[in-house]
Amino acid sequence: MIDPLDLSLLVFRLAVGAVMVAHGYNHIWGGGKIAGTGRWFESLGMKPGWLHAWTASLTELGAGALLLLGLFTPLAGGAVVGVMLVAWITNHRKNGFFIFRPGEGYEYVMTLTAAGLLFCGTGAGRLSLDHALDLDDFGWPTALGCAALGIGGAAALLLTFWRPVTPPASE
């Protein structure tokens, strides 16, 4: 019999993984493609934009694929945390909570950040490659380490590269 927790983790992992893959795919091949994504990152103050477009997009694709497979799940969770925190701080936080507000609020990225933290702590469950390969016997050091990688990576990226654009002063 399948444990309800393992089935729930599978469904949630597949949903978040699919969202992350779709988001990374869209940044590279959708809309303005990677060049447009780079220009958008530049407009947010993330310079050079092309570097951050590729970094975010490949992180989303990689984390999403790992979540879909249930492989190195705490690490994938940390990657989700990192990329979503950067999105939250650079683009969404100033727009309020609700996603349907102009400029898109932070409820979406907040939820994905929480999902990433969940995977740092829970792993993928027994319906995963992590379990099949006996890679799921971890505890607090792994959970805290993966969460710290995501949070620390986001902080380092922002401190190093983010130069917020300040609107011109009105007279």
N, C-alpha and C. Protein backbone atom coordinates (compact mmCIF):
# COMPACT_ATOMS: atom_id res chain seq x y z
N MET A 1 0.83 -1.18 0.00
CA MET A 1 0.00 0.00 0.00
C MET A 1 0.88 1.25 0.00
N ILE A 2 0.50 2.22 -0.79
CA ILE A 2 1.25 3.47 -0.87
C ILE A 2 0.84 4.37 0.30
N ASP A 3 1.85 4.91 0.97
CA ASP A 3 1.62 5.81 2.09
C ASP A 3 1.07 7.14 1.56
N PRO A 4 0.02 7.70 2.20
CA PRO A 4 -0.53 8.98 1.74
C PRO A 4 0.51 10.11 1.71
N LEU A 5 1.43 10.13 2.64
CA LEU A 5 2.45 11.17 2.65
C LEU A 5 3.35 11.05 1.42
N ASP A 6 3.75 9.85 1.08
CA ASP A 6 4.60 9.65 -0.09
C ASP A 6 3.87 10.02 -1.38
N LEU A 7 2.60 9.66 -1.46
CA LEU A 7 1.81 10.02 -2.64
C LEU A 7 1.64 11.53 -2.72
N SER A 8 1.40 12.17 -1.59
CA SER A 8 1.26 13.64 -1.56
C SER A 8 2.56 14.32 -1.98
N LEU A 9 3.68 13.82 -1.47
CA LEU A 9 4.98 14.38 -1.87
C LEU A 9 5.22 14.20 -3.36
N LEU A 10 4.84 13.06 -3.90
CA LEU A 10 5.00 12.82 -5.33
C LEU A 10 4.19 13.83 -6.15
N VAL A 11 2.92 13.98 -5.81
CA VAL A 11 2.06 14.90 -6.55
C VAL A 11 2.60 16.33 -6.45
N PHE A 12 2.95 16.75 -5.25
CA PHE A 12 3.45 18.11 -5.06
C PHE A 12 4.79 18.31 -5.76
N ARG A 13 5.67 17.32 -5.68
CA ARG A 13 6.97 17.39 -6.33
C ARG A 13 6.82 17.49 -7.85
N LEU A 14 5.90 16.71 -8.42
CA LEU A 14 5.66 16.76 -9.87
C LEU A 14 5.09 18.12 -10.28
N ALA A 15 4.19 18.65 -9.45
CA ALA A 15 3.60 19.96 -9.78
C ALA A 15 4.66 21.06 -9.74
N VAL A 16 5.43 21.12 -8.67
CA VAL A 16 6.45 22.16 -8.54
C VAL A 16 7.54 21.96 -9.60
N GLY A 17 7.93 20.72 -9.83
CA GLY A 17 8.93 20.44 -10.87
C GLY A 17 8.47 20.89 -12.24
N ALA A 18 7.21 20.62 -12.57
CA ALA A 18 6.67 21.03 -13.88
C ALA A 18 6.64 22.55 -13.99
N VAL A 19 6.25 23.24 -12.92
CA VAL A 19 6.23 24.70 -12.93
C VAL A 19 7.64 25.25 -13.16
N MET A 20 8.62 24.69 -12.48
CA MET A 20 9.99 25.19 -12.62
C MET A 20 10.54 24.93 -14.03
N VAL A 21 10.28 23.74 -14.57
CA VAL A 21 10.74 23.44 -15.94
C VAL A 21 10.07 24.38 -16.93
N ALA A 22 8.77 24.57 -16.79
CA ALA A 22 8.05 25.46 -17.71
C ALA A 22 8.57 26.89 -17.61
N HIS A 23 8.85 27.34 -16.41
CA HIS A 23 9.36 28.70 -16.21
C HIS A 23 10.74 28.87 -16.86
N GLY A 24 11.64 27.91 -16.62
CA GLY A 24 12.96 27.97 -17.23
C GLY A 24 12.89 27.88 -18.75
N TYR A 25 12.04 27.00 -19.25
CA TYR A 25 11.86 26.84 -20.70
C TYR A 25 11.38 28.15 -21.31
N ASN A 26 10.39 28.77 -20.67
CA ASN A 26 9.83 30.02 -21.19
C ASN A 26 10.88 31.14 -21.20
N HIS A 27 11.74 31.18 -20.19
CA HIS A 27 12.78 32.20 -20.18
C HIS A 27 13.74 32.04 -21.35
N ILE A 28 14.00 30.81 -21.76
CA ILE A 28 14.98 30.57 -22.83
C ILE A 28 14.33 30.61 -24.22
N TRP A 29 13.18 29.94 -24.38
CA TRP A 29 12.62 29.77 -25.72
C TRP A 29 11.28 30.47 -25.95
N GLY A 30 10.67 31.00 -24.92
CA GLY A 30 9.37 31.65 -25.08
C GLY A 30 9.50 33.15 -25.24
N GLY A 31 8.44 33.79 -25.59
CA GLY A 31 8.38 35.25 -25.64
C GLY A 31 9.58 35.88 -26.31
N GLY A 32 10.32 36.68 -25.56
CA GLY A 32 11.51 37.35 -26.10
C GLY A 32 12.75 36.49 -26.09
N LYS A 33 12.57 35.22 -25.79
CA LYS A 33 13.68 34.25 -25.72
C LYS A 33 14.71 34.71 -24.70
N ILE A 34 15.87 34.11 -24.70
CA ILE A 34 16.86 34.41 -23.66
C ILE A 34 17.36 35.86 -23.76
N ALA A 35 17.42 36.40 -24.97
CA ALA A 35 17.86 37.79 -25.11
C ALA A 35 16.87 38.74 -24.43
N GLY A 36 15.59 38.49 -24.63
CA GLY A 36 14.58 39.32 -23.97
C GLY A 36 14.59 39.14 -22.46
N THR A 37 14.81 37.91 -22.01
CA THR A 37 14.92 37.67 -20.58
C THR A 37 16.11 38.42 -20.01
N GLY A 38 17.21 38.44 -20.74
CA GLY A 38 18.39 39.19 -20.31
C GLY A 38 18.11 40.67 -20.20
N ARG A 39 17.40 41.23 -21.19
CA ARG A 39 17.06 42.65 -21.13
C ARG A 39 16.14 42.93 -19.94
N TRP A 40 15.23 42.01 -19.65
CA TRP A 40 14.32 42.18 -18.51
C TRP A 40 15.12 42.15 -17.21
N PHE A 41 16.06 41.21 -17.08
CA PHE A 41 16.91 41.16 -15.89
C PHE A 41 17.69 42.47 -15.73
N GLU A 42 18.22 43.00 -16.83
CA GLU A 42 18.92 44.28 -16.78
C GLU A 42 18.00 45.38 -16.25
N SER A 43 16.73 45.37 -16.69
CA SER A 43 15.78 46.41 -16.26
C SER A 43 15.48 46.31 -14.77
N LEU A 44 15.71 45.14 -14.18
CA LEU A 44 15.51 44.95 -12.74
C LEU A 44 16.75 45.33 -11.94
N GLY A 45 17.84 45.60 -12.65
CA GLY A 45 19.09 45.95 -11.97
C GLY A 45 20.05 44.79 -11.82
N MET A 46 19.74 43.64 -12.43
CA MET A 46 20.62 42.47 -12.38
C MET A 46 21.54 42.53 -13.60
N LYS A 47 22.80 42.89 -13.34
CA LYS A 47 23.73 43.11 -14.45
C LYS A 47 24.95 42.23 -14.30
N PRO A 48 25.43 41.64 -15.38
CA PRO A 48 24.89 41.70 -16.74
C PRO A 48 23.65 40.82 -16.89
N GLY A 49 22.67 41.33 -17.58
CA GLY A 49 21.39 40.65 -17.72
C GLY A 49 21.48 39.28 -18.35
N TRP A 50 22.33 39.14 -19.36
CA TRP A 50 22.44 37.85 -20.04
C TRP A 50 22.90 36.76 -19.08
N LEU A 51 23.84 37.12 -18.18
CA LEU A 51 24.37 36.14 -17.22
C LEU A 51 23.27 35.67 -16.27
N HIS A 52 22.48 36.59 -15.78
CA HIS A 52 21.43 36.23 -14.83
C HIS A 52 20.26 35.54 -15.52
N ALA A 53 20.02 35.88 -16.77
CA ALA A 53 18.98 35.18 -17.53
C ALA A 53 19.36 33.70 -17.67
N TRP A 54 20.59 33.44 -18.04
CA TRP A 54 21.05 32.05 -18.18
C TRP A 54 21.10 31.35 -16.82
N THR A 55 21.62 32.04 -15.81
CA THR A 55 21.74 31.43 -14.48
C THR A 55 20.36 31.03 -13.94
N ALA A 56 19.42 31.96 -13.97
CA ALA A 56 18.08 31.67 -13.46
C ALA A 56 17.39 30.59 -14.28
N SER A 57 17.48 30.70 -15.60
CA SER A 57 16.79 29.75 -16.48
C SER A 57 17.33 28.33 -16.32
N LEU A 58 18.65 28.19 -16.29
CA LEU A 58 19.23 26.85 -16.14
C LEU A 58 18.98 26.30 -14.74
N THR A 59 18.97 27.18 -13.73
CA THR A 59 18.63 26.72 -12.38
C THR A 59 17.20 26.22 -12.33
N GLU A 60 16.28 26.95 -12.95
CA GLU A 60 14.88 26.51 -12.98
C GLU A 60 14.73 25.19 -13.72
N LEU A 61 15.37 25.07 -14.87
CA LEU A 61 15.30 23.81 -15.62
C LEU A 61 15.90 22.65 -14.83
N GLY A 62 17.07 22.87 -14.26
CA GLY A 62 17.75 21.80 -13.51
C GLY A 62 16.99 21.39 -12.26
N ALA A 63 16.57 22.38 -11.47
CA ALA A 63 15.82 22.07 -10.24
C ALA A 63 14.51 21.39 -10.58
N GLY A 64 13.84 21.87 -11.61
CA GLY A 64 12.58 21.26 -12.03
C GLY A 64 12.76 19.82 -12.46
N ALA A 65 13.80 19.56 -13.25
CA ALA A 65 14.06 18.18 -13.70
C ALA A 65 14.37 17.27 -12.51
N LEU A 66 15.19 17.76 -11.58
CA LEU A 66 15.52 16.95 -10.40
C LEU A 66 14.27 16.67 -9.55
N LEU A 67 13.39 17.65 -9.42
CA LEU A 67 12.15 17.42 -8.68
C LEU A 67 11.27 16.41 -9.39
N LEU A 68 11.16 16.51 -10.70
CA LEU A 68 10.35 15.54 -11.45
C LEU A 68 10.86 14.12 -11.26
N LEU A 69 12.17 13.98 -11.21
CA LEU A 69 12.78 12.66 -11.02
C LEU A 69 12.82 12.23 -9.56
N GLY A 70 12.73 13.18 -8.67
CA GLY A 70 12.91 12.86 -7.25
C GLY A 70 14.35 12.50 -6.97
N LEU A 71 15.26 13.26 -7.56
CA LEU A 71 16.70 12.97 -7.46
C LEU A 71 17.40 14.19 -6.85
N PHE A 72 18.21 13.95 -5.82
CA PHE A 72 18.88 15.04 -5.11
C PHE A 72 17.87 16.11 -4.71
N THR A 73 16.74 15.67 -4.21
CA THR A 73 15.59 16.55 -3.95
C THR A 73 15.89 17.69 -2.98
N PRO A 74 16.59 17.46 -1.86
CA PRO A 74 16.88 18.62 -1.00
C PRO A 74 17.71 19.69 -1.72
N LEU A 75 18.65 19.28 -2.56
CA LEU A 75 19.45 20.23 -3.32
C LEU A 75 18.58 20.98 -4.33
N ALA A 76 17.67 20.27 -4.99
CA ALA A 76 16.73 20.92 -5.91
C ALA A 76 15.86 21.91 -5.16
N GLY A 77 15.43 21.55 -3.95
CA GLY A 77 14.66 22.47 -3.13
C GLY A 77 15.44 23.74 -2.82
N GLY A 78 16.72 23.59 -2.50
CA GLY A 78 17.57 24.75 -2.25
C GLY A 78 17.69 25.64 -3.48
N ALA A 79 17.77 25.03 -4.66
CA ALA A 79 17.85 25.80 -5.91
C ALA A 79 16.56 26.59 -6.14
N VAL A 80 15.42 25.96 -5.86
CA VAL A 80 14.14 26.66 -5.98
C VAL A 80 14.11 27.85 -5.02
N VAL A 81 14.54 27.64 -3.79
CA VAL A 81 14.58 28.72 -2.80
C VAL A 81 15.41 29.88 -3.33
N GLY A 82 16.61 29.59 -3.83
CA GLY A 82 17.51 30.64 -4.29
C GLY A 82 16.93 31.46 -5.43
N VAL A 83 16.44 30.80 -6.45
CA VAL A 83 15.95 31.53 -7.62
C VAL A 83 14.66 32.29 -7.29
N MET A 84 13.82 31.73 -6.44
CA MET A 84 12.58 32.42 -6.08
C MET A 84 12.82 33.60 -5.14
N LEU A 85 13.79 33.49 -4.24
CA LEU A 85 14.11 34.63 -3.39
C LEU A 85 14.63 35.81 -4.20
N VAL A 86 15.45 35.53 -5.20
CA VAL A 86 15.94 36.61 -6.05
C VAL A 86 14.78 37.25 -6.80
N ALA A 87 13.87 36.45 -7.34
CA ALA A 87 12.70 36.99 -8.04
C ALA A 87 11.83 37.81 -7.08
N TRP A 88 11.65 37.29 -5.88
CA TRP A 88 10.83 37.97 -4.87
C TRP A 88 11.40 39.35 -4.57
N ILE A 89 12.70 39.42 -4.32
CA ILE A 89 13.33 40.67 -3.90
C ILE A 89 13.48 41.66 -5.05
N THR A 90 13.89 41.19 -6.21
CA THR A 90 14.18 42.11 -7.31
C THR A 90 12.94 42.58 -8.04
N ASN A 91 11.89 41.77 -8.07
CA ASN A 91 10.76 42.11 -8.92
C ASN A 91 9.41 42.17 -8.21
N HIS A 92 9.12 41.26 -7.32
CA HIS A 92 7.75 41.10 -6.83
C HIS A 92 7.44 41.81 -5.51
N ARG A 93 8.39 42.00 -4.64
CA ARG A 93 8.08 42.49 -3.28
C ARG A 93 7.47 43.88 -3.29
N LYS A 94 7.86 44.71 -4.21
CA LYS A 94 7.37 46.09 -4.24
C LYS A 94 5.92 46.19 -4.74
N ASN A 95 5.40 45.08 -5.26
CA ASN A 95 4.07 45.10 -5.88
C ASN A 95 2.96 44.59 -4.96
N GLY A 96 3.27 44.37 -3.70
CA GLY A 96 2.25 43.86 -2.78
C GLY A 96 2.13 42.35 -2.86
N PHE A 97 1.17 41.83 -2.14
CA PHE A 97 1.03 40.38 -2.00
C PHE A 97 0.43 39.70 -3.23
N PHE A 98 -0.65 40.21 -3.76
CA PHE A 98 -1.43 39.48 -4.77
C PHE A 98 -0.80 39.52 -6.15
N ILE A 99 -0.76 38.35 -6.79
CA ILE A 99 -0.16 38.20 -8.11
C ILE A 99 -0.94 38.96 -9.18
N PHE A 100 -2.24 39.17 -8.97
CA PHE A 100 -3.06 39.83 -9.98
C PHE A 100 -2.95 41.35 -9.95
N ARG A 101 -2.18 41.89 -9.03
CA ARG A 101 -1.96 43.33 -8.97
C ARG A 101 -0.99 43.75 -10.08
N PRO A 102 -1.02 45.01 -10.47
CA PRO A 102 -0.05 45.47 -11.48
C PRO A 102 1.39 45.16 -11.04
N GLY A 103 2.18 44.64 -11.95
CA GLY A 103 3.55 44.30 -11.65
C GLY A 103 3.72 42.94 -11.00
N GLU A 104 2.63 42.27 -10.67
CA GLU A 104 2.62 40.94 -10.06
C GLU A 104 3.18 40.95 -8.64
N GLY A 105 2.34 40.64 -7.70
CA GLY A 105 2.74 40.57 -6.30
C GLY A 105 3.56 39.33 -6.01
N TYR A 106 3.87 39.13 -4.74
CA TYR A 106 4.82 38.08 -4.37
C TYR A 106 4.19 36.78 -3.90
N GLU A 107 2.88 36.62 -3.95
CA GLU A 107 2.28 35.39 -3.43
C GLU A 107 2.79 34.14 -4.16
N TYR A 108 2.99 34.23 -5.45
CA TYR A 108 3.46 33.10 -6.25
C TYR A 108 4.89 32.69 -5.86
N VAL A 109 5.80 33.67 -5.84
CA VAL A 109 7.18 33.33 -5.51
C VAL A 109 7.34 32.96 -4.04
N MET A 110 6.50 33.52 -3.18
CA MET A 110 6.52 33.14 -1.77
C MET A 110 6.12 31.67 -1.62
N THR A 111 5.10 31.27 -2.35
CA THR A 111 4.63 29.88 -2.28
C THR A 111 5.69 28.92 -2.82
N LEU A 112 6.33 29.27 -3.91
CA LEU A 112 7.38 28.41 -4.45
C LEU A 112 8.61 28.39 -3.54
N THR A 113 8.92 29.50 -2.89
CA THR A 113 10.01 29.51 -1.91
C THR A 113 9.70 28.55 -0.78
N ALA A 114 8.47 28.59 -0.27
CA ALA A 114 8.06 27.67 0.80
C ALA A 114 8.13 26.22 0.31
N ALA A 115 7.74 25.98 -0.93
CA ALA A 115 7.81 24.63 -1.48
C ALA A 115 9.25 24.14 -1.53
N GLY A 116 10.16 25.02 -1.95
CA GLY A 116 11.58 24.66 -1.96
C GLY A 116 12.09 24.32 -0.58
N LEU A 117 11.69 25.11 0.42
CA LEU A 117 12.09 24.81 1.79
C LEU A 117 11.52 23.48 2.26
N LEU A 118 10.30 23.18 1.86
CA LEU A 118 9.70 21.89 2.21
C LEU A 118 10.55 20.74 1.67
N PHE A 119 10.97 20.85 0.41
CA PHE A 119 11.76 19.77 -0.19
C PHE A 119 13.15 19.67 0.44
N CYS A 120 13.69 20.79 0.92
CA CYS A 120 14.96 20.73 1.65
C CYS A 120 14.80 19.83 2.88
N GLY A 121 13.67 19.93 3.54
CA GLY A 121 13.45 19.20 4.78
C GLY A 121 12.88 17.82 4.63
N THR A 122 11.99 17.62 3.67
CA THR A 122 11.33 16.32 3.56
C THR A 122 12.00 15.38 2.58
N GLY A 123 12.68 15.96 1.59
CA GLY A 123 13.15 15.12 0.50
C GLY A 123 11.97 14.76 -0.39
N ALA A 124 12.15 13.72 -1.20
CA ALA A 124 11.15 13.36 -2.20
C ALA A 124 10.15 12.32 -1.74
N GLY A 125 10.43 11.63 -0.67
CA GLY A 125 9.57 10.53 -0.26
C GLY A 125 10.00 9.23 -0.93
N ARG A 126 9.25 8.17 -0.63
CA ARG A 126 9.64 6.84 -1.11
C ARG A 126 9.34 6.60 -2.59
N LEU A 127 8.53 7.45 -3.21
CA LEU A 127 8.22 7.30 -4.63
C LEU A 127 9.15 8.20 -5.44
N SER A 128 10.45 7.87 -5.37
CA SER A 128 11.45 8.74 -6.00
C SER A 128 12.72 7.96 -6.32
N LEU A 129 13.55 8.56 -7.16
CA LEU A 129 14.87 7.99 -7.41
C LEU A 129 15.75 8.09 -6.18
N ASP A 130 15.59 9.15 -5.40
CA ASP A 130 16.36 9.27 -4.16
C ASP A 130 16.18 8.02 -3.30
N HIS A 131 14.94 7.59 -3.16
CA HIS A 131 14.66 6.41 -2.34
C HIS A 131 15.20 5.14 -3.01
N ALA A 132 14.96 5.03 -4.32
CA ALA A 132 15.42 3.83 -5.04
C ALA A 132 16.93 3.68 -4.99
N LEU A 133 17.64 4.79 -4.99
CA LEU A 133 19.11 4.77 -4.96
C LEU A 133 19.67 4.89 -3.55
N ASP A 134 18.80 4.84 -2.56
CA ASP A 134 19.18 4.93 -1.15
C ASP A 134 19.92 6.23 -0.84
N LEU A 135 19.39 7.34 -1.41
CA LEU A 135 19.98 8.66 -1.19
C LEU A 135 19.11 9.51 -0.28
N ASP A 136 18.13 8.90 0.37
CA ASP A 136 17.17 9.70 1.13
C ASP A 136 17.32 9.58 2.64
N ASP A 137 18.44 9.08 3.08
CA ASP A 137 18.67 8.98 4.52
C ASP A 137 19.47 10.19 4.98
N PHE A 138 18.76 11.30 5.14
CA PHE A 138 19.41 12.53 5.56
C PHE A 138 18.63 13.12 6.73
N GLY A 139 19.20 14.10 7.34
CA GLY A 139 18.54 14.72 8.48
C GLY A 139 18.74 16.21 8.47
N TRP A 140 18.81 16.78 9.65
CA TRP A 140 18.93 18.22 9.79
C TRP A 140 20.12 18.81 9.05
N PRO A 141 21.30 18.20 9.07
CA PRO A 141 22.43 18.83 8.36
C PRO A 141 22.13 19.03 6.87
N THR A 142 21.54 18.03 6.24
CA THR A 142 21.22 18.16 4.82
C THR A 142 20.13 19.20 4.61
N ALA A 143 19.07 19.14 5.41
CA ALA A 143 17.96 20.07 5.26
C ALA A 143 18.43 21.51 5.46
N LEU A 144 19.16 21.75 6.53
CA LEU A 144 19.64 23.11 6.81
C LEU A 144 20.68 23.54 5.78
N GLY A 145 21.54 22.62 5.38
CA GLY A 145 22.56 22.95 4.39
C GLY A 145 21.96 23.34 3.05
N CYS A 146 20.96 22.60 2.59
CA CYS A 146 20.34 22.92 1.30
C CYS A 146 19.56 24.23 1.37
N ALA A 147 18.86 24.45 2.48
CA ALA A 147 18.16 25.72 2.66
C ALA A 147 19.17 26.87 2.71
N ALA A 148 20.27 26.67 3.42
CA ALA A 148 21.30 27.71 3.51
C ALA A 148 21.94 27.98 2.15
N LEU A 149 22.13 26.94 1.34
CA LEU A 149 22.66 27.14 -0.01
C LEU A 149 21.74 28.03 -0.83
N GLY A 150 20.45 27.77 -0.76
CA GLY A 150 19.49 28.59 -1.50
C GLY A 150 19.45 30.02 -1.01
N ILE A 151 19.32 30.19 0.29
CA ILE A 151 19.24 31.54 0.87
C ILE A 151 20.58 32.27 0.71
N GLY A 152 21.67 31.58 1.02
CA GLY A 152 22.99 32.19 0.89
C GLY A 152 23.36 32.51 -0.55
N GLY A 153 22.99 31.61 -1.45
CA GLY A 153 23.26 31.86 -2.87
C GLY A 153 22.50 33.08 -3.36
N ALA A 154 21.24 33.20 -2.97
CA ALA A 154 20.45 34.36 -3.36
C ALA A 154 21.06 35.63 -2.78
N ALA A 155 21.44 35.60 -1.51
CA ALA A 155 22.03 36.78 -0.87
C ALA A 155 23.34 37.18 -1.56
N ALA A 156 24.20 36.20 -1.84
CA ALA A 156 25.48 36.49 -2.49
C ALA A 156 25.26 37.07 -3.88
N LEU A 157 24.33 36.50 -4.62
CA LEU A 157 24.03 37.00 -5.96
C LEU A 157 23.53 38.44 -5.91
N LEU A 158 22.61 38.71 -4.99
CA LEU A 158 22.05 40.06 -4.88
C LEU A 158 23.11 41.06 -4.43
N LEU A 159 23.91 40.69 -3.44
CA LEU A 159 24.94 41.61 -2.95
C LEU A 159 26.00 41.90 -4.01
N THR A 160 26.28 40.91 -4.83
CA THR A 160 27.33 41.05 -5.83
C THR A 160 26.86 41.75 -7.10
N PHE A 161 25.65 41.44 -7.56
CA PHE A 161 25.24 41.87 -8.89
C PHE A 161 24.05 42.82 -8.95
N TRP A 162 23.22 42.86 -7.93
CA TRP A 162 21.99 43.64 -8.04
C TRP A 162 22.24 45.11 -7.77
N ARG A 163 21.91 45.91 -8.71
CA ARG A 163 21.98 47.36 -8.59
C ARG A 163 20.60 47.90 -8.92
N PRO A 164 19.74 48.03 -7.89
CA PRO A 164 18.35 48.44 -8.16
C PRO A 164 18.29 49.75 -8.93
N VAL A 165 17.39 49.76 -9.88
CA VAL A 165 17.19 50.95 -10.69
C VAL A 165 16.33 51.91 -9.88
N THR A 166 16.83 53.13 -9.73
CA THR A 166 16.05 54.12 -9.00
C THR A 166 15.37 55.03 -10.01
N PRO A 167 14.05 55.21 -9.84
CA PRO A 167 13.35 56.07 -10.78
C PRO A 167 13.83 57.52 -10.66
N PRO A 168 13.79 58.25 -11.76
CA PRO A 168 14.23 59.64 -11.69
C PRO A 168 13.34 60.43 -10.73
N ALA A 169 13.95 61.35 -10.02
CA ALA A 169 13.21 62.18 -9.06
C ALA A 169 12.30 63.14 -9.82
N SER A 170 11.08 63.27 -9.37
CA SER A 170 10.16 64.21 -10.01
C SER A 170 10.35 65.59 -9.40
N GLU A 171 10.20 66.56 -10.21
CA GLU A 171 10.44 67.93 -9.73
C GLU A 171 9.17 68.63 -9.43
